[in-house]
Amino acid sequence: DPIHEYNRSAGQSITGGYVYRGSALPVLYRGRYFFADFVQGHVWSIGLTVHPTTREATASDLVDHTAELGGVLQLGNISSFGVDADGELYIVSYSLGRILKVIGPTAAPAAPTGLRIIR
């Protein structure tokens, strides 16, 4: 049986994905299952908990990542996901003809050191 379902108001064609195991995204993303809807162009992730005895997985904490990934116009119709050798996540946009790499937030610049005033 599925561990997560959504109704037709949320989407019409699920695109299966991957459990994130990379290191480019913050640690809170590791172990989450990323998936999408081809028609709506939305990307979600769910947390997975595996029962220690039965090894059966249950889903919790559904998060919509569409906006933070640039929105539907940036993502298009998502037909597939991929991962590289480092476990980093890629999204295949069928309608835009692109392969998009999911990267973490930009880091704040380092605080300057050794400042001085020149007169």
Protein backbone atom coordinates (compact mmCIF):
# COMPACT_ATOMS: atom_id res chain seq x y z
CA ASP A 1 0.00 0.00 0.00
CA PRO A 2 1.14 3.60 -0.57
CA ILE A 3 2.52 5.49 2.43
CA HIS A 4 1.21 8.82 1.10
CA GLU A 5 -1.64 9.84 -1.19
CA TYR A 6 -2.96 13.16 -2.45
CA ASN A 7 -6.24 14.06 -4.11
CA ARG A 8 -6.80 15.46 -7.61
CA SER A 9 -6.94 19.04 -6.38
CA ALA A 10 -3.23 18.74 -5.48
CA GLY A 11 -2.17 16.97 -8.69
CA GLN A 12 -3.01 14.41 -11.32
CA SER A 13 0.16 12.48 -12.13
CA ILE A 14 2.69 11.55 -9.46
CA THR A 15 6.36 11.48 -10.37
CA GLY A 16 8.25 9.22 -7.99
CA GLY A 17 11.54 10.40 -6.62
CA TYR A 18 14.35 9.57 -4.25
CA VAL A 19 15.30 9.63 -0.60
CA TYR A 20 17.83 12.44 -0.23
CA ARG A 21 21.21 11.20 0.99
CA GLY A 22 23.53 13.99 -0.15
CA SER A 23 25.32 16.73 1.76
CA ALA A 24 24.66 19.90 -0.29
CA LEU A 25 21.31 20.51 1.45
CA PRO A 26 21.01 21.15 5.18
CA VAL A 27 20.96 18.05 7.38
CA LEU A 28 17.20 18.33 7.98
CA TYR A 29 16.63 17.21 4.35
CA ARG A 30 18.57 13.94 4.69
CA GLY A 31 16.35 10.89 4.73
CA ARG A 32 13.36 12.73 3.23
CA TYR A 33 11.61 11.30 0.18
CA PHE A 34 11.26 13.87 -2.64
CA PHE A 35 8.53 13.45 -5.27
CA ALA A 36 6.52 15.64 -7.64
CA ASP A 37 3.39 15.98 -9.72
CA PHE A 38 3.93 16.11 -13.50
CA VAL A 39 0.76 18.08 -14.28
CA GLN A 40 0.92 20.67 -11.49
CA GLY A 41 4.74 21.00 -11.39
CA HIS A 42 4.89 20.80 -7.61
CA VAL A 43 7.68 19.20 -5.58
CA TRP A 44 7.14 17.82 -2.09
CA SER A 45 9.10 15.81 0.44
CA ILE A 46 7.98 13.63 3.28
CA GLY A 47 9.82 12.41 6.32
CA LEU A 48 10.14 8.65 6.59
CA THR A 49 10.15 6.66 9.81
CA VAL A 50 11.08 2.99 9.62
CA HIS A 51 9.74 0.68 12.34
CA PRO A 52 12.76 -1.12 13.87
CA THR A 53 11.09 -4.55 13.99
CA THR A 54 8.81 -4.69 10.95
CA ARG A 55 10.99 -2.38 8.79
CA GLU A 56 7.74 -0.84 7.54
CA ALA A 57 7.97 2.84 6.62
CA THR A 58 5.46 5.49 7.59
CA ALA A 59 5.31 9.03 6.22
CA SER A 60 4.99 12.29 8.12
CA ASP A 61 5.69 16.01 7.80
CA LEU A 62 4.70 16.74 4.19
CA VAL A 63 6.57 19.84 2.90
CA ASP A 64 5.87 21.66 -0.38
CA HIS A 65 9.21 22.80 -1.89
CA THR A 66 7.80 24.28 -5.11
CA ALA A 67 8.24 27.95 -4.19
CA GLU A 68 11.74 27.56 -2.76
CA LEU A 69 12.80 25.76 -5.96
CA GLY A 70 11.74 28.71 -8.11
CA GLY A 71 8.07 27.88 -8.61
CA VAL A 72 6.14 26.13 -11.36
CA LEU A 73 7.56 28.35 -14.13
CA GLN A 74 11.12 27.31 -13.21
CA LEU A 75 10.25 23.63 -12.72
CA GLY A 76 7.81 22.95 -15.57
CA ASN A 77 6.39 19.44 -15.91
CA ILE A 78 8.58 17.20 -13.75
CA SER A 79 8.99 13.82 -15.41
CA SER A 80 11.77 12.27 -13.34
CA PHE A 81 14.33 12.66 -10.58
CA GLY A 82 17.91 11.48 -10.45
CA VAL A 83 20.80 11.33 -8.03
CA ASP A 84 24.53 11.52 -8.64
CA ALA A 85 27.33 9.51 -7.05
CA ASP A 86 27.33 11.89 -4.06
CA GLY A 87 23.59 11.43 -3.43
CA GLU A 88 22.70 14.92 -4.69
CA LEU A 89 19.24 15.36 -6.18
CA TYR A 90 18.33 16.33 -9.77
CA ILE A 91 14.93 17.20 -11.25
CA VAL A 92 14.08 16.49 -14.90
CA SER A 93 11.82 19.16 -16.41
CA TYR A 94 10.19 17.55 -19.45
CA SER A 95 8.41 20.68 -20.70
CA LEU A 96 11.44 22.96 -20.32
CA GLY A 97 14.00 20.42 -21.55
CA ARG A 98 16.20 20.92 -18.48
CA ILE A 99 17.91 18.90 -15.79
CA LEU A 100 17.97 20.94 -12.61
CA LYS A 101 20.33 20.26 -9.71
CA VAL A 102 18.85 20.92 -6.26
CA ILE A 103 21.39 22.87 -4.23
CA GLY A 104 21.27 24.29 -0.74
CA PRO A 105 20.70 27.90 0.23
CA THR A 106 23.41 30.38 -0.57
CA ALA A 107 25.74 30.88 2.33
CA ALA A 108 26.04 34.31 3.86
CA PRO A 109 29.36 35.95 3.07
CA ALA A 110 32.01 35.62 5.72
CA ALA A 111 32.38 38.55 8.06
CA PRO A 112 35.29 40.72 6.97
CA THR A 113 38.35 40.70 9.17
CA GLY A 114 41.43 42.89 9.36
CA LEU A 115 39.56 46.10 8.49
CA ARG A 116 41.30 49.44 8.77
CA ILE A 117 40.59 53.04 7.92
CA ILE A 118 42.77 54.80 5.37
CA ARG A 119 43.08 58.58 5.67
